[in-house]
Structures are given as structure tokens and as C-alpha cells.
Amino acid sequence: MREKINHLYVDSHERKIILHSLVELKNALIQQGRYTDCVDELIFKVANAPVKRMKIEYV
């Protein structure tokens, strides 16, 4: 069975909030002495995600 792929569309402000939250989570994990590999991968994916311009029409 194929894996389901989800796409998340966020604006620049939401992207900053996501990155800030992930960095805070990473710092908390480091203080607890736990591994941060998963969080590192997510930070890399969010930071290097392509930007897609979308036109929003308000009705």
C-alpha cells in the first residue's frame, strides 16, 4: 500500500511560528538529554520547503 502524502500550505507568518516552535522543542529535548534527530529533520524540511505562490479570491 502506498503511503499517503499530505501537503501543508502556510503563509510566511505561520512558517516562522512553526520554525520557532520546532527550535523550542529541540532545546527542550536537549535539556532532557533526549535525541533530536526527528526534530532536526522537520526543521530542515520546513526551512527548505519550496514556496508556492497562490492567488486567494475572497467572495
N, C-alpha and C. Protein backbone atom coordinates (compact mmCIF):
# COMPACT_ATOMS: atom_id res chain seq x y z
N MET A 1 0.83 -1.19 0.00
CA MET A 1 0.00 0.00 0.00
C MET A 1 0.87 1.24 0.00
N ARG A 2 0.50 2.21 -0.81
CA ARG A 2 1.27 3.45 -0.89
C ARG A 2 1.05 4.31 0.34
N GLU A 3 2.10 5.04 0.70
CA GLU A 3 1.98 5.98 1.80
C GLU A 3 1.18 7.18 1.35
N LYS A 4 0.38 7.71 2.26
CA LYS A 4 -0.41 8.89 1.95
C LYS A 4 0.47 10.12 2.15
N ILE A 5 0.49 11.00 1.17
CA ILE A 5 1.29 12.22 1.24
C ILE A 5 0.37 13.40 1.52
N ASN A 6 0.70 14.16 2.53
CA ASN A 6 -0.08 15.35 2.88
C ASN A 6 0.73 16.60 2.56
N HIS A 7 0.03 17.62 2.06
CA HIS A 7 0.66 18.90 1.78
C HIS A 7 0.08 19.93 2.73
N LEU A 8 0.94 20.78 3.24
CA LEU A 8 0.52 21.82 4.17
C LEU A 8 0.89 23.16 3.57
N TYR A 9 -0.09 24.01 3.38
CA TYR A 9 0.14 25.34 2.82
C TYR A 9 0.06 26.36 3.95
N VAL A 10 1.14 27.09 4.18
CA VAL A 10 1.19 28.09 5.23
C VAL A 10 1.76 29.39 4.67
N ASP A 11 1.40 30.50 5.32
CA ASP A 11 1.97 31.78 4.90
C ASP A 11 3.27 32.01 5.65
N SER A 12 3.91 33.13 5.38
CA SER A 12 5.24 33.39 5.95
C SER A 12 5.18 33.52 7.48
N HIS A 13 4.12 34.10 8.00
CA HIS A 13 4.00 34.25 9.45
C HIS A 13 3.84 32.88 10.13
N GLU A 14 2.99 32.04 9.56
CA GLU A 14 2.79 30.69 10.13
C GLU A 14 4.08 29.87 10.03
N ARG A 15 4.83 30.07 8.96
CA ARG A 15 6.09 29.35 8.79
C ARG A 15 7.09 29.73 9.88
N LYS A 16 7.15 31.04 10.22
CA LYS A 16 8.03 31.49 11.29
C LYS A 16 7.62 30.89 12.63
N ILE A 17 6.31 30.82 12.87
CA ILE A 17 5.82 30.24 14.13
C ILE A 17 6.18 28.76 14.21
N ILE A 18 6.04 28.04 13.12
CA ILE A 18 6.38 26.62 13.10
C ILE A 18 7.86 26.41 13.38
N LEU A 19 8.71 27.18 12.71
CA LEU A 19 10.16 27.05 12.93
C LEU A 19 10.53 27.39 14.36
N HIS A 20 9.96 28.46 14.90
CA HIS A 20 10.25 28.87 16.28
C HIS A 20 9.83 27.77 17.26
N SER A 21 8.66 27.18 17.04
CA SER A 21 8.17 26.12 17.91
C SER A 21 9.06 24.88 17.84
N LEU A 22 9.50 24.54 16.65
CA LEU A 22 10.37 23.37 16.50
C LEU A 22 11.72 23.59 17.18
N VAL A 23 12.26 24.79 17.09
CA VAL A 23 13.53 25.10 17.76
C VAL A 23 13.35 25.03 19.28
N GLU A 24 12.22 25.52 19.79
CA GLU A 24 11.95 25.43 21.23
C GLU A 24 11.83 23.97 21.66
N LEU A 25 11.16 23.15 20.85
CA LEU A 25 11.04 21.72 21.15
C LEU A 25 12.41 21.05 21.16
N LYS A 26 13.25 21.41 20.19
CA LYS A 26 14.60 20.84 20.14
C LYS A 26 15.40 21.21 21.38
N ASN A 27 15.30 22.47 21.82
CA ASN A 27 16.01 22.89 23.02
C ASN A 27 15.51 22.14 24.26
N ALA A 28 14.21 21.92 24.35
CA ALA A 28 13.65 21.18 25.47
C ALA A 28 14.15 19.74 25.47
N LEU A 29 14.22 19.12 24.30
CA LEU A 29 14.72 17.74 24.21
C LEU A 29 16.20 17.66 24.59
N ILE A 30 16.97 18.67 24.19
CA ILE A 30 18.39 18.69 24.54
C ILE A 30 18.56 18.80 26.05
N GLN A 31 17.74 19.63 26.70
CA GLN A 31 17.82 19.77 28.16
C GLN A 31 17.46 18.48 28.86
N GLN A 32 16.57 17.68 28.27
CA GLN A 32 16.17 16.41 28.85
C GLN A 32 17.16 15.29 28.53
N GLY A 33 18.10 15.58 27.65
CA GLY A 33 19.08 14.58 27.27
C GLY A 33 18.55 13.57 26.28
N ARG A 34 17.53 13.94 25.51
CA ARG A 34 16.94 13.02 24.54
C ARG A 34 17.44 13.35 23.14
N TYR A 35 17.20 12.42 22.21
CA TYR A 35 17.63 12.60 20.83
C TYR A 35 16.76 13.62 20.12
N THR A 36 17.37 14.37 19.20
CA THR A 36 16.65 15.42 18.46
C THR A 36 16.66 15.17 16.96
N ASP A 37 16.92 13.94 16.54
CA ASP A 37 17.04 13.64 15.11
C ASP A 37 15.75 13.96 14.34
N CYS A 38 14.61 13.56 14.88
CA CYS A 38 13.34 13.79 14.18
C CYS A 38 13.04 15.28 14.04
N VAL A 39 13.29 16.02 15.11
CA VAL A 39 13.03 17.46 15.09
C VAL A 39 13.98 18.15 14.11
N ASP A 40 15.24 17.69 14.08
CA ASP A 40 16.21 18.25 13.13
C ASP A 40 15.73 18.08 11.69
N GLU A 41 15.20 16.90 11.38
CA GLU A 41 14.70 16.64 10.03
C GLU A 41 13.52 17.54 9.69
N LEU A 42 12.62 17.75 10.65
CA LEU A 42 11.47 18.61 10.41
C LEU A 42 11.90 20.06 10.20
N ILE A 43 12.85 20.53 11.00
CA ILE A 43 13.35 21.90 10.84
C ILE A 43 13.95 22.06 9.45
N PHE A 44 14.71 21.08 9.01
CA PHE A 44 15.33 21.14 7.69
C PHE A 44 14.27 21.17 6.59
N LYS A 45 13.22 20.33 6.73
CA LYS A 45 12.17 20.27 5.71
C LYS A 45 11.38 21.58 5.64
N VAL A 46 11.05 22.14 6.81
CA VAL A 46 10.28 23.39 6.81
C VAL A 46 11.12 24.54 6.27
N ALA A 47 12.38 24.60 6.66
CA ALA A 47 13.24 25.71 6.24
C ALA A 47 13.52 25.65 4.74
N ASN A 48 13.59 24.47 4.16
CA ASN A 48 13.94 24.32 2.75
C ASN A 48 12.76 23.99 1.86
N ALA A 49 11.55 24.13 2.37
CA ALA A 49 10.36 23.83 1.58
C ALA A 49 10.20 24.86 0.46
N PRO A 50 9.77 24.42 -0.70
CA PRO A 50 9.59 25.38 -1.80
C PRO A 50 8.41 26.31 -1.52
N VAL A 51 8.50 27.51 -2.04
CA VAL A 51 7.44 28.50 -1.87
C VAL A 51 6.54 28.43 -3.09
N LYS A 52 5.26 28.28 -2.85
CA LYS A 52 4.29 28.22 -3.94
C LYS A 52 3.37 29.43 -3.83
N ARG A 53 3.35 30.24 -4.86
CA ARG A 53 2.50 31.43 -4.87
C ARG A 53 1.08 31.00 -5.22
N MET A 54 0.14 31.44 -4.40
CA MET A 54 -1.26 31.10 -4.63
C MET A 54 -2.08 32.38 -4.62
N LYS A 55 -3.07 32.42 -5.50
CA LYS A 55 -3.97 33.56 -5.54
C LYS A 55 -5.22 33.21 -4.74
N ILE A 56 -5.57 34.07 -3.80
CA ILE A 56 -6.74 33.84 -2.95
C ILE A 56 -7.82 34.82 -3.37
N GLU A 57 -8.98 34.27 -3.68
CA GLU A 57 -10.11 35.11 -4.06
C GLU A 57 -11.12 35.12 -2.93
N TYR A 58 -11.47 36.31 -2.50
CA TYR A 58 -12.48 36.46 -1.46
C TYR A 58 -13.83 36.69 -2.10
N VAL A 59 -14.80 35.93 -1.67
CA VAL A 59 -16.15 36.02 -2.26
C VAL A 59 -17.07 36.76 -1.33
